[in-house]
Amino acid sequence: MGMAQKFLWHLANSECFTKPIDFLCYGGAQENIGKEDIGNILIAFPPAEEQRAIAAFLDRKTAEIDALVTKIHGAIDRLKEYRTALISAAATGKIDIRDLI
């Protein structure tokens, strides 16, 4: 995917784009929006070089956030394992928890 497409992808997933659409949706259980409504949404497009810079920045920051989320999920999984091991050790008498209560 080229940088211009990445910029559009980031834009389409931003609140700058989704909020006006949410506002224009109408209907009950099945919300709808018309082509004319979408056509009337104003979107600012910076110059191509700025679009590339924005998309590259967002890609870098998104990758950093994804890496942090992966580390956090790993830490949570390890803590769950430690908890399970601690409960098992306490239940089988391998550790004395009487002084801890």
PDB file of N, CA and C in Angstrom:
ATOM      1  N   MET A   1       0.869  -1.172   0.000  1.00  0.00           N
ATOM      2  CA  MET A   1       0.000   0.000   0.000  1.00  0.00           C
ATOM      3  C   MET A   1       0.908   1.225   0.000  1.00  0.00           C
ATOM      4  N   GLY A   2       0.646   2.159  -0.889  1.00  0.00           N
ATOM      5  CA  GLY A   2       1.423   3.387  -0.959  1.00  0.00           C
ATOM      6  C   GLY A   2       1.098   4.322   0.189  1.00  0.00           C
ATOM      7  N   MET A   3       1.945   5.322   0.368  1.00  0.00           N
ATOM      8  CA  MET A   3       1.756   6.265   1.479  1.00  0.00           C
ATOM      9  C   MET A   3       0.461   7.057   1.338  1.00  0.00           C
ATOM     10  N   ALA A   4       0.069   7.398   0.100  1.00  0.00           N
ATOM     11  CA  ALA A   4      -1.186   8.140  -0.080  1.00  0.00           C
ATOM     12  C   ALA A   4      -2.371   7.282   0.367  1.00  0.00           C
ATOM     13  N   GLN A   5      -2.330   5.987   0.030  1.00  0.00           N
ATOM     14  CA  GLN A   5      -3.396   5.089   0.464  1.00  0.00           C
ATOM     15  C   GLN A   5      -3.376   4.913   1.982  1.00  0.00           C
ATOM     16  N   LYS A   6      -2.161   4.851   2.558  1.00  0.00           N
ATOM     17  CA  LYS A   6      -2.065   4.726   4.016  1.00  0.00           C
ATOM     18  C   LYS A   6      -2.632   5.972   4.690  1.00  0.00           C
ATOM     19  N   PHE A   7      -2.346   7.136   4.109  1.00  0.00           N
ATOM     20  CA  PHE A   7      -2.898   8.372   4.669  1.00  0.00           C
ATOM     21  C   PHE A   7      -4.424   8.304   4.646  1.00  0.00           C
ATOM     22  N   LEU A   8      -4.995   7.865   3.523  1.00  0.00           N
ATOM     23  CA  LEU A   8      -6.457   7.759   3.425  1.00  0.00           C
ATOM     24  C   LEU A   8      -7.000   6.739   4.426  1.00  0.00           C
ATOM     25  N   TRP A   9      -6.266   5.641   4.610  1.00  0.00           N
ATOM     26  CA  TRP A   9      -6.700   4.631   5.569  1.00  0.00           C
ATOM     27  C   TRP A   9      -6.734   5.225   6.972  1.00  0.00           C
ATOM     28  N   HIS A  10      -5.648   5.922   7.356  1.00  0.00           N
ATOM     29  CA  HIS A  10      -5.606   6.547   8.681  1.00  0.00           C
ATOM     30  C   HIS A  10      -6.717   7.591   8.809  1.00  0.00           C
ATOM     31  N   LEU A  11      -6.936   8.357   7.761  1.00  0.00           N
ATOM     32  CA  LEU A  11      -7.979   9.385   7.784  1.00  0.00           C
ATOM     33  C   LEU A  11      -9.356   8.749   7.957  1.00  0.00           C
ATOM     34  N   ALA A  12      -9.616   7.693   7.190  1.00  0.00           N
ATOM     35  CA  ALA A  12     -10.930   7.041   7.249  1.00  0.00           C
ATOM     36  C   ALA A  12     -11.193   6.406   8.616  1.00  0.00           C
ATOM     37  N   ASN A  13     -10.134   6.105   9.362  1.00  0.00           N
ATOM     38  CA  ASN A  13     -10.286   5.511  10.686  1.00  0.00           C
ATOM     39  C   ASN A  13     -10.183   6.525  11.811  1.00  0.00           C
ATOM     40  N   SER A  14     -10.113   7.795  11.459  1.00  0.00           N
ATOM     41  CA  SER A  14      -9.994   8.835  12.479  1.00  0.00           C
ATOM     42  C   SER A  14     -11.365   9.414  12.818  1.00  0.00           C
ATOM     43  N   GLU A  15     -11.432  10.057  13.970  1.00  0.00           N
ATOM     44  CA  GLU A  15     -12.683  10.689  14.377  1.00  0.00           C
ATOM     45  C   GLU A  15     -13.047  11.859  13.464  1.00  0.00           C
ATOM     46  N   CYS A  16     -12.047  12.448  12.819  1.00  0.00           N
ATOM     47  CA  CYS A  16     -12.331  13.547  11.879  1.00  0.00           C
ATOM     48  C   CYS A  16     -13.244  13.071  10.754  1.00  0.00           C
ATOM     49  N   PHE A  17     -13.159  11.800  10.444  1.00  0.00           N
ATOM     50  CA  PHE A  17     -13.980  11.236   9.375  1.00  0.00           C
ATOM     51  C   PHE A  17     -15.217  10.528   9.917  1.00  0.00           C
ATOM     52  N   THR A  18     -15.049   9.765  11.003  1.00  0.00           N
ATOM     53  CA  THR A  18     -16.154   8.943  11.490  1.00  0.00           C
ATOM     54  C   THR A  18     -17.218   9.740  12.236  1.00  0.00           C
ATOM     55  N   LYS A  19     -16.823  10.807  12.944  1.00  0.00           N
ATOM     56  CA  LYS A  19     -17.814  11.590  13.705  1.00  0.00           C
ATOM     57  C   LYS A  19     -18.867  12.221  12.800  1.00  0.00           C
ATOM     58  N   PRO A  20     -18.471  12.885  11.692  1.00  0.00           N
ATOM     59  CA  PRO A  20     -19.510  13.430  10.816  1.00  0.00           C
ATOM     60  C   PRO A  20     -20.438  12.353  10.252  1.00  0.00           C
ATOM     61  N   ILE A  21     -19.881  11.190   9.958  1.00  0.00           N
ATOM     62  CA  ILE A  21     -20.715  10.102   9.438  1.00  0.00           C
ATOM     63  C   ILE A  21     -21.693   9.640  10.509  1.00  0.00           C
ATOM     64  N   ASP A  22     -21.196   9.466  11.739  1.00  0.00           N
ATOM     65  CA  ASP A  22     -22.090   9.080  12.842  1.00  0.00           C
ATOM     66  C   ASP A  22     -23.211  10.102  13.012  1.00  0.00           C
ATOM     67  N   PHE A  23     -22.849  11.379  12.903  1.00  0.00           N
ATOM     68  CA  PHE A  23     -23.829  12.456  13.063  1.00  0.00           C
ATOM     69  C   PHE A  23     -24.889  12.412  11.965  1.00  0.00           C
ATOM     70  N   LEU A  24     -24.471  12.064  10.746  1.00  0.00           N
ATOM     71  CA  LEU A  24     -25.391  12.082   9.609  1.00  0.00           C
ATOM     72  C   LEU A  24     -26.224  10.810   9.469  1.00  0.00           C
ATOM     73  N   CYS A  25     -25.867   9.762  10.184  1.00  0.00           N
ATOM     74  CA  CYS A  25     -26.615   8.511  10.088  1.00  0.00           C
ATOM     75  C   CYS A  25     -28.021   8.700  10.649  1.00  0.00           C
ATOM     76  N   TYR A  26     -28.952   8.049  10.033  1.00  0.00           N
ATOM     77  CA  TYR A  26     -30.335   8.135  10.475  1.00  0.00           C
ATOM     78  C   TYR A  26     -30.966   6.760  10.388  1.00  0.00           C
ATOM     79  N   GLY A  27     -32.033   6.584  11.115  1.00  0.00           N
ATOM     80  CA  GLY A  27     -32.742   5.314  11.116  1.00  0.00           C
ATOM     81  C   GLY A  27     -32.717   4.706  12.505  1.00  0.00           C
ATOM     82  N   GLY A  28     -33.452   3.627  12.667  1.00  0.00           N
ATOM     83  CA  GLY A  28     -33.562   2.978  13.965  1.00  0.00           C
ATOM     84  C   GLY A  28     -32.522   1.891  14.128  1.00  0.00           C
ATOM     85  N   ALA A  29     -32.953   0.629  13.999  1.00  0.00           N
ATOM     86  CA  ALA A  29     -32.063  -0.500  14.213  1.00  0.00           C
ATOM     87  C   ALA A  29     -30.978  -0.570  13.143  1.00  0.00           C
ATOM     88  N   GLN A  30     -31.306  -0.167  11.930  1.00  0.00           N
ATOM     89  CA  GLN A  30     -30.340  -0.184  10.825  1.00  0.00           C
ATOM     90  C   GLN A  30     -30.105   1.249  10.387  1.00  0.00           C
ATOM     91  N   GLU A  31     -28.992   1.825  10.859  1.00  0.00           N
ATOM     92  CA  GLU A  31     -28.706   3.209  10.501  1.00  0.00           C
ATOM     93  C   GLU A  31     -28.282   3.298   9.046  1.00  0.00           C
ATOM     94  N   ASN A  32     -28.633   4.394   8.411  1.00  0.00           N
ATOM     95  CA  ASN A  32     -28.314   4.606   7.005  1.00  0.00           C
ATOM     96  C   ASN A  32     -27.715   5.981   6.813  1.00  0.00           C
ATOM     97  N   ILE A  33     -27.006   6.116   5.727  1.00  0.00           N
ATOM     98  CA  ILE A  33     -26.484   7.411   5.311  1.00  0.00           C
ATOM     99  C   ILE A  33     -26.514   7.419   3.789  1.00  0.00           C
ATOM    100  N   GLY A  34     -26.886   8.543   3.223  1.00  0.00           N
ATOM    101  CA  GLY A  34     -26.998   8.628   1.777  1.00  0.00           C
ATOM    102  C   GLY A  34     -25.703   9.050   1.106  1.00  0.00           C
ATOM    103  N   LYS A  35     -25.593   8.765  -0.201  1.00  0.00           N
ATOM    104  CA  LYS A  35     -24.410   9.160  -0.972  1.00  0.00           C
ATOM    105  C   LYS A  35     -24.212  10.668  -0.923  1.00  0.00           C
ATOM    106  N   GLU A  36     -25.302  11.396  -1.011  1.00  0.00           N
ATOM    107  CA  GLU A  36     -25.200  12.851  -0.994  1.00  0.00           C
ATOM    108  C   GLU A  36     -24.639  13.329   0.350  1.00  0.00           C
ATOM    109  N   ASP A  37     -25.060  12.688   1.438  1.00  0.00           N
ATOM    110  CA  ASP A  37     -24.535  13.051   2.756  1.00  0.00           C
ATOM    111  C   ASP A  37     -23.021  12.850   2.817  1.00  0.00           C
ATOM    112  N   ILE A  38     -22.572  11.714   2.308  1.00  0.00           N
ATOM    113  CA  ILE A  38     -21.134  11.433   2.310  1.00  0.00           C
ATOM    114  C   ILE A  38     -20.407  12.429   1.409  1.00  0.00           C
ATOM    115  N   GLY A  39     -21.001  12.736   0.279  1.00  0.00           N
ATOM    116  CA  GLY A  39     -20.383  13.683  -0.653  1.00  0.00           C
ATOM    117  C   GLY A  39     -20.250  15.082  -0.085  1.00  0.00           C
ATOM    118  N   ASN A  40     -21.056  15.415   0.900  1.00  0.00           N
ATOM    119  CA  ASN A  40     -21.014  16.750   1.488  1.00  0.00           C
ATOM    120  C   ASN A  40     -20.055  16.873   2.681  1.00  0.00           C
ATOM    121  N   ILE A  41     -19.426  15.781   3.066  1.00  0.00           N
ATOM    122  CA  ILE A  41     -18.466  15.838   4.166  1.00  0.00           C
ATOM    123  C   ILE A  41     -17.182  16.486   3.656  1.00  0.00           C
ATOM    124  N   LEU A  42     -16.744  17.517   4.340  1.00  0.00           N
ATOM    125  CA  LEU A  42     -15.518  18.217   3.958  1.00  0.00           C
ATOM    126  C   LEU A  42     -14.311  17.552   4.615  1.00  0.00           C
ATOM    127  N   ILE A  43     -13.319  17.280   3.807  1.00  0.00           N
ATOM    128  CA  ILE A  43     -12.096  16.646   4.304  1.00  0.00           C
ATOM    129  C   ILE A  43     -10.917  17.475   3.814  1.00  0.00           C
ATOM    130  N   ALA A  44     -10.040  17.826   4.725  1.00  0.00           N
ATOM    131  CA  ALA A  44      -8.836  18.577   4.348  1.00  0.00           C
ATOM    132  C   ALA A  44      -7.747  17.598   3.916  1.00  0.00           C
ATOM    133  N   PHE A  45      -7.199  17.822   2.746  1.00  0.00           N
ATOM    134  CA  PHE A  45      -6.100  17.010   2.243  1.00  0.00           C
ATOM    135  C   PHE A  45      -4.851  17.870   2.156  1.00  0.00           C
ATOM    136  N   PRO A  46      -3.853  17.560   2.997  1.00  0.00           N
ATOM    137  CA  PRO A  46      -2.601  18.303   2.895  1.00  0.00           C
ATOM    138  C   PRO A  46      -1.862  17.914   1.613  1.00  0.00           C
ATOM    139  N   PRO A  47      -0.809  18.633   1.269  1.00  0.00           N
ATOM    140  CA  PRO A  47      -0.017  18.266   0.090  1.00  0.00           C
ATOM    141  C   PRO A  47       0.500  16.830   0.196  1.00  0.00           C
ATOM    142  N   ALA A  48       0.819  16.227  -0.945  1.00  0.00           N
ATOM    143  CA  ALA A  48       1.213  14.813  -1.003  1.00  0.00           C
ATOM    144  C   ALA A  48       2.394  14.508  -0.086  1.00  0.00           C
ATOM    145  N   GLU A  49       3.398  15.368  -0.061  1.00  0.00           N
ATOM    146  CA  GLU A  49       4.568  15.111   0.786  1.00  0.00           C
ATOM    147  C   GLU A  49       4.174  15.105   2.266  1.00  0.00           C
ATOM    148  N   GLU A  50       3.284  15.992   2.650  1.00  0.00           N
ATOM    149  CA  GLU A  50       2.814  16.028   4.032  1.00  0.00           C
ATOM    150  C   GLU A  50       1.977  14.792   4.348  1.00  0.00           C
ATOM    151  N   GLN A  51       1.181  14.334   3.392  1.00  0.00           N
ATOM    152  CA  GLN A  51       0.413  13.101   3.576  1.00  0.00           C
ATOM    153  C   GLN A  51       1.356  11.932   3.840  1.00  0.00           C
ATOM    154  N   ARG A  52       2.438  11.849   3.044  1.00  0.00           N
ATOM    155  CA  ARG A  52       3.414  10.766   3.237  1.00  0.00           C
ATOM    156  C   ARG A  52       4.054  10.859   4.624  1.00  0.00           C
ATOM    157  N   ALA A  53       4.408  12.058   5.037  1.00  0.00           N
ATOM    158  CA  ALA A  53       5.034  12.238   6.353  1.00  0.00           C
ATOM    159  C   ALA A  53       4.072  11.855   7.473  1.00  0.00           C
ATOM    160  N   ILE A  54       2.823  12.257   7.351  1.00  0.00           N
ATOM    161  CA  ILE A  54       1.811  11.921   8.361  1.00  0.00           C
ATOM    162  C   ILE A  54       1.602  10.420   8.417  1.00  0.00           C
ATOM    163  N   ALA A  55       1.451   9.788   7.251  1.00  0.00           N
ATOM    164  CA  ALA A  55       1.228   8.344   7.206  1.00  0.00           C
ATOM    165  C   ALA A  55       2.424   7.595   7.792  1.00  0.00           C
ATOM    166  N   ALA A  56       3.650   8.022   7.462  1.00  0.00           N
ATOM    167  CA  ALA A  56       4.843   7.358   7.991  1.00  0.00           C
ATOM    168  C   ALA A  56       4.910   7.511   9.510  1.00  0.00           C
ATOM    169  N   PHE A  57       4.617   8.706  10.009  1.00  0.00           N
ATOM    170  CA  PHE A  57       4.613   8.951  11.459  1.00  0.00           C
ATOM    171  C   PHE A  57       3.585   8.051  12.147  1.00  0.00           C
ATOM    172  N   LEU A  58       2.371   8.013  11.600  1.00  0.00           N
ATOM    173  CA  LEU A  58       1.319   7.193  12.207  1.00  0.00           C
ATOM    174  C   LEU A  58       1.665   5.710  12.148  1.00  0.00           C
ATOM    175  N   ASP A  59       2.286   5.273  11.051  1.00  0.00           N
ATOM    176  CA  ASP A  59       2.719   3.877  10.961  1.00  0.00           C
ATOM    177  C   ASP A  59       3.747   3.550  12.040  1.00  0.00           C
ATOM    178  N   ARG A  60       4.728   4.457  12.245  1.00  0.00           N
ATOM    179  CA  ARG A  60       5.745   4.234  13.274  1.00  0.00           C
ATOM    180  C   ARG A  60       5.122   4.174  14.663  1.00  0.00           C
ATOM    181  N   LYS A  61       4.257   5.148  14.962  1.00  0.00           N
ATOM    182  CA  LYS A  61       3.643   5.193  16.295  1.00  0.00           C
ATOM    183  C   LYS A  61       2.712   4.005  16.514  1.00  0.00           C
ATOM    184  N   THR A  62       1.990   3.603  15.483  1.00  0.00           N
ATOM    185  CA  THR A  62       1.099   2.445  15.594  1.00  0.00           C
ATOM    186  C   THR A  62       1.915   1.182  15.862  1.00  0.00           C
ATOM    187  N   ALA A  63       3.054   1.036  15.180  1.00  0.00           N
ATOM    188  CA  ALA A  63       3.921  -0.122  15.414  1.00  0.00           C
ATOM    189  C   ALA A  63       4.449  -0.113  16.845  1.00  0.00           C
ATOM    190  N   GLU A  64       4.826   1.065  17.355  1.00  0.00           N
ATOM    191  CA  GLU A  64       5.291   1.158  18.743  1.00  0.00           C
ATOM    192  C   GLU A  64       4.192   0.752  19.716  1.00  0.00           C
ATOM    193  N   ILE A  65       2.991   1.230  19.478  1.00  0.00           N
ATOM    194  CA  ILE A  65       1.856   0.900  20.353  1.00  0.00           C
ATOM    195  C   ILE A  65       1.552  -0.589  20.284  1.00  0.00           C
ATOM    196  N   ASP A  66       1.570  -1.155  19.070  1.00  0.00           N
ATOM    197  CA  ASP A  66       1.319  -2.589  18.922  1.00  0.00           C
ATOM    198  C   ASP A  66       2.356  -3.408  19.680  1.00  0.00           C
ATOM    199  N   ALA A  67       3.634  -2.984  19.630  1.00  0.00           N
ATOM    200  CA  ALA A  67       4.687  -3.691  20.359  1.00  0.00           C
ATOM    201  C   ALA A  67       4.439  -3.614  21.862  1.00  0.00           C
ATOM    202  N   LEU A  68       4.035  -2.445  22.357  1.00  0.00           N
ATOM    203  CA  LEU A  68       3.732  -2.303  23.785  1.00  0.00           C
ATOM    204  C   LEU A  68       2.547  -3.171  24.196  1.00  0.00           C
ATOM    205  N   VAL A  69       1.525  -3.215  23.369  1.00  0.00           N
ATOM    206  CA  VAL A  69       0.349  -4.046  23.664  1.00  0.00           C
ATOM    207  C   VAL A  69       0.761  -5.510  23.740  1.00  0.00           C
ATOM    208  N   THR A  70       1.625  -5.944  22.820  1.00  0.00           N
ATOM    209  CA  THR A  70       2.102  -7.327  22.836  1.00  0.00           C
ATOM    210  C   THR A  70       2.863  -7.617  24.127  1.00  0.00           C
ATOM    211  N   LYS A  71       3.733  -6.683  24.549  1.00  0.00           N
ATOM    212  CA  LYS A  71       4.477  -6.863  25.805  1.00  0.00           C
ATOM    213  C   LYS A  71       3.524  -6.933  26.991  1.00  0.00           C
ATOM    214  N   ILE A  72       2.507  -6.075  27.006  1.00  0.00           N
ATOM    215  CA  ILE A  72       1.543  -6.060  28.109  1.00  0.00           C
ATOM    216  C   ILE A  72       0.774  -7.369  28.163  1.00  0.00           C
ATOM    217  N   HIS A  73       0.340  -7.871  26.997  1.00  0.00           N
ATOM    218  CA  HIS A  73      -0.379  -9.147  26.981  1.00  0.00           C
ATOM    219  C   HIS A  73       0.519 -10.280  27.488  1.00  0.00           C
ATOM    220  N   GLY A  74       1.809 -10.234  27.113  1.00  0.00           N
ATOM    221  CA  GLY A  74       2.749 -11.240  27.605  1.00  0.00           C
ATOM    222  C   GLY A  74       2.895 -11.166  29.118  1.00  0.00           C
ATOM    223  N   ALA A  75       2.989  -9.948  29.645  1.00  0.00           N
ATOM    224  CA  ALA A  75       3.105  -9.775  31.096  1.00  0.00           C
ATOM    225  C   ALA A  75       1.858 -10.274  31.806  1.00  0.00           C
ATOM    226  N   ILE A  76       0.708  -9.994  31.251  1.00  0.00           N
ATOM    227  CA  ILE A  76      -0.556 -10.467  31.849  1.00  0.00           C
ATOM    228  C   ILE A  76      -0.585 -11.987  31.853  1.00  0.00           C
ATOM    229  N   ASP A  77      -0.179 -12.601  30.749  1.00  0.00           N
ATOM    230  CA  ASP A  77      -0.157 -14.067  30.686  1.00  0.00           C
ATOM    231  C   ASP A  77       0.791 -14.650  31.730  1.00  0.00           C
ATOM    232  N   ARG A  78       1.979 -14.038  31.889  1.00  0.00           N
ATOM    233  CA  ARG A  78       2.930 -14.525  32.904  1.00  0.00           C
ATOM    234  C   ARG A  78       2.359 -14.370  34.302  1.00  0.00           C
ATOM    235  N   LEU A  79       1.696 -13.233  34.576  1.00  0.00           N
ATOM    236  CA  LEU A  79       1.099 -13.030  35.896  1.00  0.00           C
ATOM    237  C   LEU A  79       0.009 -14.069  36.177  1.00  0.00           C
ATOM    238  N   LYS A  80      -0.772 -14.407  35.155  1.00  0.00           N
ATOM    239  CA  LYS A  80      -1.796 -15.447  35.325  1.00  0.00           C
ATOM    240  C   LYS A  80      -1.144 -16.793  35.644  1.00  0.00           C
ATOM    241  N   GLU A  81      -0.040 -17.088  34.957  1.00  0.00           N
ATOM    242  CA  GLU A  81       0.682 -18.338  35.233  1.00  0.00           C
ATOM    243  C   GLU A  81       1.228 -18.346  36.660  1.00  0.00           C
ATOM    244  N   TYR A  82       1.813 -17.217  37.080  1.00  0.00           N
ATOM    245  CA  TYR A  82       2.339 -17.113  38.447  1.00  0.00           C
ATOM    246  C   TYR A  82       1.222 -17.288  39.466  1.00  0.00           C
ATOM    247  N   ARG A  83       0.085 -16.676  39.212  1.00  0.00           N
ATOM    248  CA  ARG A  83      -1.043 -16.791  40.132  1.00  0.00           C
ATOM    249  C   ARG A  83      -1.492 -18.242  40.247  1.00  0.00           C
ATOM    250  N   THR A  84      -1.616 -18.913  39.098  1.00  0.00           N
ATOM    251  CA  THR A  84      -2.028 -20.314  39.093  1.00  0.00           C
ATOM    252  C   THR A  84      -1.024 -21.173  39.858  1.00  0.00           C
ATOM    253  N   ALA A  85       0.269 -20.915  39.624  1.00  0.00           N
ATOM    254  CA  ALA A  85       1.309 -21.685  40.322  1.00  0.00           C
ATOM    255  C   ALA A  85       1.264 -21.417  41.821  1.00  0.00           C
ATOM    256  N   LEU A  86       1.039 -20.170  42.215  1.00  0.00           N
ATOM    257  CA  LEU A  86       0.972 -19.816  43.636  1.00  0.00           C
ATOM    258  C   LEU A  86      -0.229 -20.489  44.296  1.00  0.00           C
ATOM    259  N   ILE A  87      -1.373 -20.451  43.646  1.00  0.00           N
ATOM    260  CA  ILE A  87      -2.571 -21.101  44.201  1.00  0.00           C
ATOM    261  C   ILE A  87      -2.338 -22.600  44.335  1.00  0.00           C
ATOM    262  N   SER A  88      -1.720 -23.192  43.328  1.00  0.00           N
ATOM    263  CA  SER A  88      -1.441 -24.629  43.368  1.00  0.00           C
ATOM    264  C   SER A  88      -0.472 -24.966  44.503  1.00  0.00           C
ATOM    265  N   ALA A  89       0.576 -24.149  44.641  1.00  0.00           N
ATOM    266  CA  ALA A  89       1.553 -24.395  45.707  1.00  0.00           C
ATOM    267  C   ALA A  89       0.908 -24.233  47.084  1.00  0.00           C
ATOM    268  N   ALA A  90       0.042 -23.253  47.232  1.00  0.00           N
ATOM    269  CA  ALA A  90      -0.632 -23.048  48.520  1.00  0.00           C
ATOM    270  C   ALA A  90      -1.597 -24.192  48.813  1.00  0.00           C
ATOM    271  N   ALA A  91      -2.326 -24.638  47.789  1.00  0.00           N
ATOM    272  CA  ALA A  91      -3.318 -25.703  47.984  1.00  0.00           C
ATOM    273  C   ALA A  91      -2.659 -27.043  48.285  1.00  0.00           C
ATOM    274  N   THR A  92      -1.463 -27.278  47.756  1.00  0.00           N
ATOM    275  CA  THR A  92      -0.800 -28.570  47.975  1.00  0.00           C
ATOM    276  C   THR A  92       0.155 -28.526  49.165  1.00  0.00           C
ATOM    277  N   GLY A  93       0.253 -27.394  49.858  1.00  0.00           N
ATOM    278  CA  GLY A  93       1.079 -27.285  51.041  1.00  0.00           C
ATOM    279  C   GLY A  93       2.550 -27.036  50.758  1.00  0.00           C
ATOM    280  N   LYS A  94       2.895 -26.741  49.535  1.00  0.00           N
ATOM    281  CA  LYS A  94       4.305 -26.492  49.200  1.00  0.00           C
ATOM    282  C   LYS A  94       4.799 -25.167  49.788  1.00  0.00           C
ATOM    283  N   ILE A  95       3.883 -24.274  50.054  1.00  0.00           N
ATOM    284  CA  ILE A  95       4.244 -23.024  50.744  1.00  0.00           C
ATOM    285  C   ILE A  95       3.296 -22.843  51.909  1.00  0.00           C
ATOM    286  N   ASP A  96       3.791 -22.231  52.961  1.00  0.00           N
ATOM    287  CA  ASP A  96       3.004 -21.992  54.153  1.00  0.00           C
ATOM    288  C   ASP A  96       2.449 -20.571  54.088  1.00  0.00           C
ATOM    289  N   ILE A  97       1.134 -20.455  53.993  1.00  0.00           N
ATOM    290  CA  ILE A  97       0.527 -19.134  53.871  1.00  0.00           C
ATOM    291  C   ILE A  97      -0.113 -18.660  55.185  1.00  0.00           C
ATOM    292  N   ARG A  98       0.034 -19.444  56.256  1.00  0.00           N
ATOM    293  CA  ARG A  98      -0.606 -19.070  57.525  1.00  0.00           C
ATOM    294  C   ARG A  98      -0.099 -17.735  58.062  1.00  0.00           C
ATOM    295  N   ASP A  99       1.158 -17.454  57.866  1.00  0.00           N
ATOM    296  CA  ASP A  99       1.726 -16.184  58.365  1.00  0.00           C
ATOM    297  C   ASP A  99       1.318 -15.005  57.467  1.00  0.00           C
ATOM    298  N   LEU A 100       0.851 -15.280  56.277  1.00  0.00           N
ATOM    299  CA  LEU A 100       0.486 -14.224  55.335  1.00  0.00           C
ATOM    300  C   LEU A 100      -0.936 -13.736  55.520  1.00  0.00           C
ATOM    301  N   ILE A 101      -1.744 -14.528  56.242  1.00  0.00           N
ATOM    302  CA  ILE A 101      -3.165 -14.179  56.401  1.00  0.00           C
ATOM    303  C   ILE A 101      -3.359 -13.280  57.590  1.00  0.00           C
TER     304      ILE A 101
END
